[in-house]
Protein backbone atom coordinates (compact mmCIF):
# COMPACT_ATOMS: atom_id res chain seq x y z
CA UNK A 1 86.30 115.57 102.37
CA UNK A 2 85.57 111.91 102.47
CA UNK A 3 85.29 110.16 105.76
CA UNK A 4 88.43 108.19 106.65
CA UNK A 5 87.97 104.48 106.50
CA UNK A 6 88.38 102.23 109.43
CA UNK A 7 91.82 100.48 109.92
CA UNK A 8 93.46 103.37 108.01
CA UNK A 9 97.64 102.98 108.42
CA UNK A 10 100.05 105.47 109.50
CA UNK A 11 103.66 106.02 108.53
CA UNK A 12 105.75 103.00 109.41
CA UNK A 13 102.73 100.48 109.49
CA UNK A 14 102.75 97.06 107.45
CA UNK A 15 99.99 97.40 104.86
CA UNK A 16 98.01 95.46 102.31
CA UNK A 17 95.62 96.85 99.66
CA UNK A 18 92.23 97.39 101.17
CA UNK A 19 89.64 94.69 100.09
CA UNK A 20 92.29 92.55 98.45
CA UNK A 21 94.00 89.60 100.10
CA UNK A 22 96.45 88.64 97.20
CA UNK A 23 99.24 88.02 99.82
CA UNK A 24 101.04 91.27 98.97
CA UNK A 25 102.34 93.17 101.98
CA UNK A 26 104.61 96.19 102.38
CA UNK A 27 105.72 98.98 104.51
CA UNK A 28 104.28 102.31 104.40
CA UNK A 29 107.26 104.50 104.23
CA UNK A 30 106.10 108.22 103.11
CA UNK A 31 102.57 109.89 103.35
CA UNK A 32 101.43 113.22 102.49
CA UNK A 33 98.94 114.51 105.09
CA UNK A 34 97.47 117.05 102.73
CA UNK A 35 96.82 114.73 99.53
CA UNK A 36 96.73 111.51 101.35
CA UNK A 37 99.12 109.96 98.96
CA UNK A 38 101.52 107.41 100.46
CA UNK A 39 104.60 105.52 99.12
CA UNK A 40 104.77 101.88 99.84
CA UNK A 41 107.68 99.58 99.93
CA UNK A 42 106.21 96.28 98.71
CA UNK A 43 108.05 93.16 99.93
CA UNK A 44 107.95 91.61 96.40
CA UNK A 45 109.53 94.83 95.14
CA UNK A 46 106.52 95.26 92.60
CA UNK A 47 104.36 98.24 92.21
CA UNK A 48 102.27 100.47 92.19
CA UNK A 49 104.51 102.34 94.85
CA UNK A 50 102.28 105.32 95.35
CA UNK A 51 98.88 104.59 96.53
CA UNK A 52 95.94 106.62 98.09
CA UNK A 53 96.04 106.06 101.80
CA UNK A 54 92.39 105.12 101.68
CA UNK A 55 93.29 102.17 99.24
CA UNK A 56 95.51 100.64 102.13
CA UNK A 57 94.75 99.13 105.36
CA UNK A 58 96.81 97.69 108.32
CA UNK A 59 98.03 94.31 107.67
CA UNK A 60 98.31 91.73 110.74
């Protein structure tokens, strides 16, 4: 199993894509603890809605 990266979000956190600062922010609405896949409600309504938890980080 891969080591969990720092600043990994939990359900309800404001998030952005890890390593990218393109201005897109969203809310992490659902998360599967077993597979680490998460559903994100992006502010701009765009996709992808499903992201792996390790691709996301908490947003300020």
